[in-house]
Every structure is written in structure tokens, then in C-alpha cells.
């Protein structure tokens, strides 16, 4: 990935985290959401944080390790979005849209790992 692609992906990841925060702020405050909201914010924001760290990796091994963590966080985000969907059906459209974004990130990180392995 070139610098511009890295910058564009980083911006998308930041916006994704911001959008999850905005969604969670609008969800009803209840016992179920009080457990799901922090988890959703943690994993969704961790995607971008780990990607950012991968851009400053000290070695190829470190880079792949951090990309794999970002990939895992994208999977975890999808998991918690699915639970949020069950708990908040009136937000179906927005939650599904965010889940699709998480899937796109998962595919991007999977592709990065696959391309890296091909080079090795």
C-alpha cells in the first residue's frame, strides 16, 4: 500500500469509529446496552488503533502481527454489532450498514496478510 492508500484507509477507520460512537450515543440506556455499548466502542476503535500501529511497525513480523490484530478486532466488531442489532431492532438499517463496513475492513486486512505471505 502506498502512502495515499494508507492515509485513506486510516481516515475511513477513524470515521468508522466515530460513527459507532455516534450510533451508541443514540441507543437506549438499559441493562443490555450498558454491556454491549462499551464492548462495541472498544473493538471498533481498536481496528484503527492497531492499523495505525502497523503503519509504524518495527519489522515485517510486527506489521503482520498488528494487521492480524486489526482483523480480529473487525471480526469482534461484527459480533457485537450483531448483538446490538438483536437488542435494538429499531436501529437495524444503521447497524447493518456498520456491520458491512466492518466486513469490508476484515476483507482489506485479509488481503494485506495474503499479499504479504505471497511476497514471502
Protein backbone atom coordinates (compact mmCIF):
# COMPACT_ATOMS: atom_id res chain seq x y z
CA UNK A 1 0.00 0.00 0.00
CA UNK A 2 1.20 3.45 -0.83
CA UNK A 3 1.10 6.46 1.46
CA UNK A 4 -2.15 7.81 0.00
CA UNK A 5 -3.90 4.44 0.37
CA UNK A 6 -2.68 4.19 3.98
CA UNK A 7 -3.96 7.69 4.66
CA UNK A 8 -7.34 6.96 3.05
CA UNK A 9 -7.78 3.72 5.00
CA UNK A 10 -6.79 5.44 8.24
CA UNK A 11 -9.39 8.15 7.62
CA UNK A 12 -12.06 5.50 6.91
CA UNK A 13 -11.17 3.71 10.14
CA UNK A 14 -11.39 6.92 12.16
CA UNK A 15 -14.76 7.76 10.62
CA UNK A 16 -15.95 4.22 11.31
CA UNK A 17 -15.05 4.54 14.99
CA UNK A 18 -16.72 7.95 15.15
CA UNK A 19 -19.86 6.55 13.52
CA UNK A 20 -20.01 3.70 16.03
CA UNK A 21 -19.70 6.21 18.87
CA UNK A 22 -22.49 8.35 17.41
CA UNK A 23 -24.70 5.27 16.96
CA UNK A 24 -24.06 4.11 20.51
CA UNK A 25 -24.86 7.56 21.92
CA UNK A 26 -28.34 7.29 20.39
CA UNK A 27 -29.10 3.77 21.65
CA UNK A 28 -31.42 3.43 24.64
CA UNK A 29 -29.70 3.28 28.00
CA UNK A 30 -30.67 -0.06 29.51
CA UNK A 31 -29.03 -3.05 31.16
CA UNK A 32 -28.31 -4.87 27.89
CA UNK A 33 -26.89 -1.87 26.05
CA UNK A 34 -24.82 -0.90 29.08
CA UNK A 35 -22.86 -4.12 28.48
CA UNK A 36 -22.82 -4.08 24.67
CA UNK A 37 -22.04 -0.42 24.02
CA UNK A 38 -18.61 -0.31 25.72
CA UNK A 39 -17.57 -3.54 24.00
CA UNK A 40 -18.70 -2.21 20.62
CA UNK A 41 -16.83 1.06 21.05
CA UNK A 42 -13.69 -0.70 22.30
CA UNK A 43 -13.33 -3.15 19.43
CA UNK A 44 -14.43 -0.76 16.68
CA UNK A 45 -11.93 1.90 17.77
CA UNK A 46 -9.22 -0.72 18.22
CA UNK A 47 -9.34 -1.54 14.49
CA UNK A 48 -7.95 1.87 13.60
CA UNK A 49 -5.57 1.99 16.55
CA UNK A 50 -3.95 -1.30 15.52
CA UNK A 51 -3.83 -0.31 11.87
CA UNK A 52 -2.12 2.93 12.88
CA UNK A 53 0.44 0.96 14.87
CA UNK A 54 1.03 -1.35 11.90
CA UNK A 55 2.00 1.66 9.80
CA UNK A 56 4.83 2.30 12.27
CA UNK A 57 5.84 -1.35 12.66
CA UNK A 58 9.43 -2.10 13.53
CA UNK A 59 9.63 -5.20 11.36
CA UNK A 60 7.65 -7.21 8.82
CA UNK A 61 6.67 -9.64 11.56
CA UNK A 62 5.46 -6.76 13.75
CA UNK A 63 3.50 -5.31 10.81
CA UNK A 64 1.66 -8.57 10.12
CA UNK A 65 1.01 -9.12 13.80
CA UNK A 66 -0.68 -5.74 14.13
CA UNK A 67 -2.67 -6.19 10.91
CA UNK A 68 -3.91 -9.53 12.24
CA UNK A 69 -4.99 -7.85 15.48
CA UNK A 70 -6.89 -5.22 13.46
CA UNK A 71 -8.52 -8.06 11.54
CA UNK A 72 -9.56 -9.76 14.79
CA UNK A 73 -10.99 -6.50 16.08
CA UNK A 74 -13.04 -6.13 12.89
CA UNK A 75 -14.46 -9.63 13.50
CA UNK A 76 -15.21 -8.75 17.10
CA UNK A 77 -16.92 -5.55 16.00
CA UNK A 78 -19.21 -7.55 13.70
CA UNK A 79 -20.01 -9.86 16.61
CA UNK A 80 -21.04 -7.02 18.91
CA UNK A 81 -22.95 -5.23 16.16
CA UNK A 82 -25.00 -8.38 15.67
CA UNK A 83 -25.83 -8.42 19.38
CA UNK A 84 -26.67 -4.71 19.26
CA UNK A 85 -28.97 -5.45 16.34
CA UNK A 86 -30.84 -8.06 18.35
CA UNK A 87 -31.14 -5.70 21.31
CA UNK A 88 -32.08 -2.63 19.21
CA UNK A 89 -34.19 -3.64 16.20
CA UNK A 90 -35.28 -0.04 15.61
CA UNK A 91 -31.67 0.70 14.56
CA UNK A 92 -31.49 -2.17 12.07
CA UNK A 93 -30.55 -0.15 8.99
CA UNK A 94 -27.68 1.71 10.63
CA UNK A 95 -26.31 -1.30 12.49
CA UNK A 96 -26.34 -3.42 9.33
CA UNK A 97 -24.57 -0.63 7.45
CA UNK A 98 -21.83 -0.51 10.12
CA UNK A 99 -21.58 -4.30 10.02
CA UNK A 100 -20.95 -4.15 6.28
CA UNK A 101 -18.18 -1.63 6.86
CA UNK A 102 -16.59 -3.92 9.44
CA UNK A 103 -16.75 -6.74 6.88
CA UNK A 104 -15.01 -4.52 4.31
CA UNK A 105 -12.19 -3.86 6.79
CA UNK A 106 -11.94 -7.56 7.51
CA UNK A 107 -11.53 -8.22 3.78
CA UNK A 108 -8.94 -5.47 3.41
CA UNK A 109 -6.83 -6.81 6.26
CA UNK A 110 -7.19 -10.38 5.00
CA UNK A 111 -5.97 -9.21 1.60
CA UNK A 112 -2.98 -7.43 3.14
CA UNK A 113 -1.99 -10.58 5.01
CA UNK A 114 -2.43 -12.75 1.89
CA UNK A 115 -0.35 -10.40 -0.27
CA UNK A 116 2.35 -10.25 2.35
CA UNK A 117 2.50 -14.05 2.52
CA UNK A 118 2.79 -14.26 -1.28
CA UNK A 119 5.83 -11.99 -1.16
CA UNK A 120 7.50 -14.14 1.48
